[in-house]
Amino acid sequence: MSKYDYEDAVKQLQESGSISLEDFKKLAYDDLSELLEEIKVWCLYANGAADKLPKESKKKKKKKKKD
């Protein structure tokens, strides 16, 4: 079974517009915290447009830049 992470959750939100509580439980705390913050911003500033939800984790982008 593959690991469910931030990118998987975003993809699911973009495709279906929803995410189940079971999927929330599968996320690591850091991914969950970041996803919830992104959802808040997304709902407030992008009016829930699925294509405006960031596809990649900001934390992972920062790590890539450091390497």
PDB file of N, CA and C in Angstrom:
ATOM      1  N   MET A   1       0.835  -1.179   0.000  1.00  0.00           N
ATOM      2  CA  MET A   1       0.000   0.000   0.000  1.00  0.00           C
ATOM      3  C   MET A   1       0.885   1.249   0.000  1.00  0.00           C
ATOM      4  N   SER A   2       0.606   2.154  -0.898  1.00  0.00           N
ATOM      5  CA  SER A   2       1.426   3.352  -0.987  1.00  0.00           C
ATOM      6  C   SER A   2       1.027   4.358   0.095  1.00  0.00           C
ATOM      7  N   LYS A   3       1.954   5.209   0.413  1.00  0.00           N
ATOM      8  CA  LYS A   3       1.734   6.210   1.450  1.00  0.00           C
ATOM      9  C   LYS A   3       0.877   7.350   0.897  1.00  0.00           C
ATOM     10  N   TYR A   4      -0.086   7.778   1.655  1.00  0.00           N
ATOM     11  CA  TYR A   4      -0.964   8.893   1.285  1.00  0.00           C
ATOM     12  C   TYR A   4      -0.330  10.162   1.820  1.00  0.00           C
ATOM     13  N   ASP A   5      -0.045  11.145   0.946  1.00  0.00           N
ATOM     14  CA  ASP A   5       0.610  12.363   1.395  1.00  0.00           C
ATOM     15  C   ASP A   5      -0.076  13.611   0.853  1.00  0.00           C
ATOM     16  N   TYR A   6       0.557  14.744   1.052  1.00  0.00           N
ATOM     17  CA  TYR A   6       0.002  16.044   0.669  1.00  0.00           C
ATOM     18  C   TYR A   6      -0.409  16.074  -0.803  1.00  0.00           C
ATOM     19  N   GLU A   7       0.474  15.628  -1.683  1.00  0.00           N
ATOM     20  CA  GLU A   7       0.197  15.672  -3.118  1.00  0.00           C
ATOM     21  C   GLU A   7      -1.010  14.814  -3.480  1.00  0.00           C
ATOM     22  N   ASP A   8      -1.141  13.664  -2.844  1.00  0.00           N
ATOM     23  CA  ASP A   8      -2.296  12.795  -3.091  1.00  0.00           C
ATOM     24  C   ASP A   8      -3.595  13.471  -2.646  1.00  0.00           C
ATOM     25  N   ALA A   9      -3.549  14.133  -1.498  1.00  0.00           N
ATOM     26  CA  ALA A   9      -4.733  14.810  -0.973  1.00  0.00           C
ATOM     27  C   ALA A   9      -5.150  15.953  -1.890  1.00  0.00           C
ATOM     28  N   VAL A  10      -4.178  16.720  -2.376  1.00  0.00           N
ATOM     29  CA  VAL A  10      -4.481  17.831  -3.279  1.00  0.00           C
ATOM     30  C   VAL A  10      -5.074  17.310  -4.582  1.00  0.00           C
ATOM     31  N   LYS A  11      -4.489  16.254  -5.100  1.00  0.00           N
ATOM     32  CA  LYS A  11      -5.012  15.670  -6.344  1.00  0.00           C
ATOM     33  C   LYS A  11      -6.463  15.221  -6.156  1.00  0.00           C
ATOM     34  N   GLN A  12      -6.738  14.595  -5.036  1.00  0.00           N
ATOM     35  CA  GLN A  12      -8.100  14.143  -4.743  1.00  0.00           C
ATOM     36  C   GLN A  12      -9.048  15.334  -4.632  1.00  0.00           C
ATOM     37  N   LEU A  13      -8.623  16.390  -3.971  1.00  0.00           N
ATOM     38  CA  LEU A  13      -9.454  17.588  -3.843  1.00  0.00           C
ATOM     39  C   LEU A  13      -9.725  18.227  -5.204  1.00  0.00           C
ATOM     40  N   GLN A  14      -8.712  18.258  -6.047  1.00  0.00           N
ATOM     41  CA  GLN A  14      -8.881  18.850  -7.370  1.00  0.00           C
ATOM     42  C   GLN A  14      -9.830  18.032  -8.236  1.00  0.00           C
ATOM     43  N   GLU A  15      -9.759  16.724  -8.114  1.00  0.00           N
ATOM     44  CA  GLU A  15     -10.591  15.854  -8.948  1.00  0.00           C
ATOM     45  C   GLU A  15     -12.029  15.757  -8.446  1.00  0.00           C
ATOM     46  N   SER A  16     -12.198  15.588  -7.141  1.00  0.00           N
ATOM     47  CA  SER A  16     -13.540  15.339  -6.614  1.00  0.00           C
ATOM     48  C   SER A  16     -14.129  16.502  -5.826  1.00  0.00           C
ATOM     49  N   GLY A  17     -13.272  17.413  -5.366  1.00  0.00           N
ATOM     50  CA  GLY A  17     -13.744  18.533  -4.568  1.00  0.00           C
ATOM     51  C   GLY A  17     -13.968  18.182  -3.110  1.00  0.00           C
ATOM     52  N   SER A  18     -13.594  16.967  -2.718  1.00  0.00           N
ATOM     53  CA  SER A  18     -13.771  16.571  -1.324  1.00  0.00           C
ATOM     54  C   SER A  18     -12.681  15.596  -0.896  1.00  0.00           C
ATOM     55  N   ILE A  19     -12.584  15.427   0.411  1.00  0.00           N
ATOM     56  CA  ILE A  19     -11.628  14.483   0.978  1.00  0.00           C
ATOM     57  C   ILE A  19     -12.303  13.862   2.205  1.00  0.00           C
ATOM     58  N   SER A  20     -12.130  12.581   2.380  1.00  0.00           N
ATOM     59  CA  SER A  20     -12.808  11.888   3.478  1.00  0.00           C
ATOM     60  C   SER A  20     -12.002  11.999   4.775  1.00  0.00           C
ATOM     61  N   LEU A  21     -12.680  11.760   5.872  1.00  0.00           N
ATOM     62  CA  LEU A  21     -12.005  11.760   7.163  1.00  0.00           C
ATOM     63  C   LEU A  21     -10.997  10.611   7.255  1.00  0.00           C
ATOM     64  N   GLU A  22     -11.286   9.510   6.595  1.00  0.00           N
ATOM     65  CA  GLU A  22     -10.341   8.387   6.569  1.00  0.00           C
ATOM     66  C   GLU A  22      -9.033   8.812   5.917  1.00  0.00           C
ATOM     67  N   ASP A  23      -9.133   9.602   4.847  1.00  0.00           N
ATOM     68  CA  ASP A  23      -7.923  10.080   4.177  1.00  0.00           C
ATOM     69  C   ASP A  23      -7.179  11.090   5.050  1.00  0.00           C
ATOM     70  N   PHE A  24      -7.918  11.924   5.782  1.00  0.00           N
ATOM     71  CA  PHE A  24      -7.272  12.838   6.721  1.00  0.00           C
ATOM     72  C   PHE A  24      -6.450  12.060   7.740  1.00  0.00           C
ATOM     73  N   LYS A  25      -6.990  10.954   8.217  1.00  0.00           N
ATOM     74  CA  LYS A  25      -6.292  10.140   9.218  1.00  0.00           C
ATOM     75  C   LYS A  25      -5.000   9.549   8.672  1.00  0.00           C
ATOM     76  N   LYS A  26      -4.933   9.331   7.370  1.00  0.00           N
ATOM     77  CA  LYS A  26      -3.749   8.737   6.757  1.00  0.00           C
ATOM     78  C   LYS A  26      -2.594   9.726   6.614  1.00  0.00           C
ATOM     79  N   LEU A  27      -2.890  11.012   6.652  1.00  0.00           N
ATOM     80  CA  LEU A  27      -1.854  12.030   6.455  1.00  0.00           C
ATOM     81  C   LEU A  27      -0.975  12.182   7.694  1.00  0.00           C
ATOM     82  N   ALA A  28       0.294  12.430   7.456  1.00  0.00           N
ATOM     83  CA  ALA A  28       1.207  12.759   8.547  1.00  0.00           C
ATOM     84  C   ALA A  28       0.798  14.117   9.109  1.00  0.00           C
ATOM     85  N   TYR A  29       1.135  14.382  10.361  1.00  0.00           N
ATOM     86  CA  TYR A  29       0.720  15.629  11.000  1.00  0.00           C
ATOM     87  C   TYR A  29       1.182  16.859  10.211  1.00  0.00           C
ATOM     88  N   ASP A  30       2.424  16.874   9.759  1.00  0.00           N
ATOM     89  CA  ASP A  30       2.940  18.023   9.008  1.00  0.00           C
ATOM     90  C   ASP A  30       2.167  18.244   7.720  1.00  0.00           C
ATOM     91  N   ASP A  31       1.893  17.159   6.989  1.00  0.00           N
ATOM     92  CA  ASP A  31       1.127  17.261   5.747  1.00  0.00           C
ATOM     93  C   ASP A  31      -0.298  17.739   6.023  1.00  0.00           C
ATOM     94  N   LEU A  32      -0.899  17.228   7.075  1.00  0.00           N
ATOM     95  CA  LEU A  32      -2.261  17.614   7.429  1.00  0.00           C
ATOM     96  C   LEU A  32      -2.330  19.089   7.801  1.00  0.00           C
ATOM     97  N   SER A  33      -1.402  19.529   8.615  1.00  0.00           N
ATOM     98  CA  SER A  33      -1.366  20.925   9.025  1.00  0.00           C
ATOM     99  C   SER A  33      -1.196  21.845   7.819  1.00  0.00           C
ATOM    100  N   GLU A  34      -0.272  21.506   6.949  1.00  0.00           N
ATOM    101  CA  GLU A  34      -0.033  22.317   5.757  1.00  0.00           C
ATOM    102  C   GLU A  34      -1.243  22.305   4.823  1.00  0.00           C
ATOM    103  N   LEU A  35      -1.852  21.152   4.646  1.00  0.00           N
ATOM    104  CA  LEU A  35      -3.029  21.035   3.779  1.00  0.00           C
ATOM    105  C   LEU A  35      -4.170  21.896   4.303  1.00  0.00           C
ATOM    106  N   LEU A  36      -4.423  21.867   5.590  1.00  0.00           N
ATOM    107  CA  LEU A  36      -5.503  22.670   6.168  1.00  0.00           C
ATOM    108  C   LEU A  36      -5.244  24.167   6.010  1.00  0.00           C
ATOM    109  N   GLU A  37      -3.999  24.582   6.163  1.00  0.00           N
ATOM    110  CA  GLU A  37      -3.667  25.990   5.946  1.00  0.00           C
ATOM    111  C   GLU A  37      -3.882  26.377   4.484  1.00  0.00           C
ATOM    112  N   GLU A  38      -3.481  25.514   3.565  1.00  0.00           N
ATOM    113  CA  GLU A  38      -3.668  25.785   2.138  1.00  0.00           C
ATOM    114  C   GLU A  38      -5.150  25.836   1.778  1.00  0.00           C
ATOM    115  N   ILE A  39      -5.953  24.976   2.383  1.00  0.00           N
ATOM    116  CA  ILE A  39      -7.395  24.966   2.121  1.00  0.00           C
ATOM    117  C   ILE A  39      -8.016  26.282   2.595  1.00  0.00           C
ATOM    118  N   LYS A  40      -7.571  26.780   3.751  1.00  0.00           N
ATOM    119  CA  LYS A  40      -8.088  28.061   4.239  1.00  0.00           C
ATOM    120  C   LYS A  40      -7.801  29.183   3.244  1.00  0.00           C
ATOM    121  N   VAL A  41      -6.561  29.268   2.788  1.00  0.00           N
ATOM    122  CA  VAL A  41      -6.160  30.299   1.825  1.00  0.00           C
ATOM    123  C   VAL A  41      -6.912  30.113   0.512  1.00  0.00           C
ATOM    124  N   TRP A  42      -7.002  28.884   0.068  1.00  0.00           N
ATOM    125  CA  TRP A  42      -7.673  28.536  -1.184  1.00  0.00           C
ATOM    126  C   TRP A  42      -9.137  28.956  -1.158  1.00  0.00           C
ATOM    127  N   CYS A  43      -9.820  28.680  -0.066  1.00  0.00           N
ATOM    128  CA  CYS A  43     -11.237  29.052   0.048  1.00  0.00           C
ATOM    129  C   CYS A  43     -11.416  30.565   0.144  1.00  0.00           C
ATOM    130  N   LEU A  44     -10.520  31.234   0.842  1.00  0.00           N
ATOM    131  CA  LEU A  44     -10.631  32.666   1.065  1.00  0.00           C
ATOM    132  C   LEU A  44     -10.283  33.477  -0.184  1.00  0.00           C
ATOM    133  N   TYR A  45      -9.171  33.149  -0.831  1.00  0.00           N
ATOM    134  CA  TYR A  45      -8.675  33.976  -1.926  1.00  0.00           C
ATOM    135  C   TYR A  45      -8.977  33.443  -3.323  1.00  0.00           C
ATOM    136  N   ALA A  46      -9.169  32.134  -3.461  1.00  0.00           N
ATOM    137  CA  ALA A  46      -9.391  31.560  -4.793  1.00  0.00           C
ATOM    138  C   ALA A  46     -10.841  31.131  -4.998  1.00  0.00           C
ATOM    139  N   ASN A  47     -11.696  31.437  -4.033  1.00  0.00           N
ATOM    140  CA  ASN A  47     -13.119  31.084  -4.117  1.00  0.00           C
ATOM    141  C   ASN A  47     -13.338  29.600  -4.391  1.00  0.00           C
ATOM    142  N   GLY A  48     -12.440  28.762  -3.930  1.00  0.00           N
ATOM    143  CA  GLY A  48     -12.595  27.314  -4.060  1.00  0.00           C
ATOM    144  C   GLY A  48     -12.318  26.764  -5.444  1.00  0.00           C
ATOM    145  N   ALA A  49     -11.694  27.553  -6.319  1.00  0.00           N
ATOM    146  CA  ALA A  49     -11.360  27.069  -7.662  1.00  0.00           C
ATOM    147  C   ALA A  49     -10.303  25.977  -7.537  1.00  0.00           C
ATOM    148  N   ALA A  50     -10.644  24.767  -7.928  1.00  0.00           N
ATOM    149  CA  ALA A  50      -9.771  23.605  -7.725  1.00  0.00           C
ATOM    150  C   ALA A  50      -8.409  23.765  -8.394  1.00  0.00           C
ATOM    151  N   ASP A  51      -8.336  24.446  -9.515  1.00  0.00           N
ATOM    152  CA  ASP A  51      -7.063  24.590 -10.211  1.00  0.00           C
ATOM    153  C   ASP A  51      -6.100  25.541  -9.503  1.00  0.00           C
ATOM    154  N   LYS A  52      -6.577  26.306  -8.549  1.00  0.00           N
ATOM    155  CA  LYS A  52      -5.725  27.255  -7.817  1.00  0.00           C
ATOM    156  C   LYS A  52      -5.097  26.652  -6.559  1.00  0.00           C
ATOM    157  N   LEU A  53      -5.477  25.444  -6.188  1.00  0.00           N
ATOM    158  CA  LEU A  53      -4.904  24.792  -5.013  1.00  0.00           C
ATOM    159  C   LEU A  53      -3.485  24.336  -5.353  1.00  0.00           C
ATOM    160  N   PRO A  54      -2.493  24.718  -4.549  1.00  0.00           N
ATOM    161  CA  PRO A  54      -1.105  24.341  -4.846  1.00  0.00           C
ATOM    162  C   PRO A  54      -0.929  22.835  -4.943  1.00  0.00           C
ATOM    163  N   LYS A  55      -0.271  22.401  -6.005  1.00  0.00           N
ATOM    164  CA  LYS A  55      -0.108  20.968  -6.246  1.00  0.00           C
ATOM    165  C   LYS A  55       1.041  20.367  -5.435  1.00  0.00           C
ATOM    166  N   GLU A  56       2.014  21.189  -5.075  1.00  0.00           N
ATOM    167  CA  GLU A  56       3.177  20.681  -4.364  1.00  0.00           C
ATOM    168  C   GLU A  56       3.306  21.365  -3.010  1.00  0.00           C
ATOM    169  N   SER A  57       3.754  20.614  -2.067  1.00  0.00           N
ATOM    170  CA  SER A  57       3.950  21.110  -0.710  1.00  0.00           C
ATOM    171  C   SER A  57       5.007  22.217  -0.692  1.00  0.00           C
ATOM    172  N   LYS A  58       4.737  23.306  -0.007  1.00  0.00           N
ATOM    173  CA  LYS A  58       5.707  24.395   0.114  1.00  0.00           C
ATOM    174  C   LYS A  58       6.934  23.949   0.893  1.00  0.00           C
ATOM    175  N   LYS A  59       6.743  23.095   1.879  1.00  0.00           N
ATOM    176  CA  LYS A  59       7.867  22.600   2.682  1.00  0.00           C
ATOM    177  C   LYS A  59       8.813  21.762   1.826  1.00  0.00           C
ATOM    178  N   LYS A  60       8.261  20.949   0.950  1.00  0.00           N
ATOM    179  CA  LYS A  60       9.097  20.125   0.082  1.00  0.00           C
ATOM    180  C   LYS A  60       9.826  20.977  -0.942  1.00  0.00           C
ATOM    181  N   LYS A  61       9.210  22.064  -1.398  1.00  0.00           N
ATOM    182  CA  LYS A  61       9.869  22.983  -2.326  1.00  0.00           C
ATOM    183  C   LYS A  61      11.077  23.616  -1.661  1.00  0.00           C
ATOM    184  N   LYS A  62      10.927  24.012  -0.388  1.00  0.00           N
ATOM    185  CA  LYS A  62      12.029  24.626   0.352  1.00  0.00           C
ATOM    186  C   LYS A  62      13.187  23.649   0.505  1.00  0.00           C
ATOM    187  N   LYS A  63      12.871  22.383   0.784  1.00  0.00           N
ATOM    188  CA  LYS A  63      13.915  21.367   0.931  1.00  0.00           C
ATOM    189  C   LYS A  63      14.661  21.161  -0.378  1.00  0.00           C
ATOM    190  N   LYS A  64      13.958  21.157  -1.505  1.00  0.00           N
ATOM    191  CA  LYS A  64      14.574  20.964  -2.807  1.00  0.00           C
ATOM    192  C   LYS A  64      15.535  22.114  -3.120  1.00  0.00           C
ATOM    193  N   LYS A  65      15.147  23.343  -2.775  1.00  0.00           N
ATOM    194  CA  LYS A  65      15.986  24.501  -3.041  1.00  0.00           C
ATOM    195  C   LYS A  65      17.273  24.456  -2.225  1.00  0.00           C
ATOM    196  N   LYS A  66      17.207  23.931  -0.998  1.00  0.00           N
ATOM    197  CA  LYS A  66      18.381  23.840  -0.136  1.00  0.00           C
ATOM    198  C   LYS A  66      19.389  22.829  -0.673  1.00  0.00           C
ATOM    199  N   ASP A  67      18.903  21.760  -1.292  1.00  0.00           N
ATOM    200  CA  ASP A  67      19.791  20.680  -1.790  1.00  0.00           C
ATOM    201  C   ASP A  67      20.471  21.038  -3.050  1.00  0.00           C
TER     202      ASP A  67
END
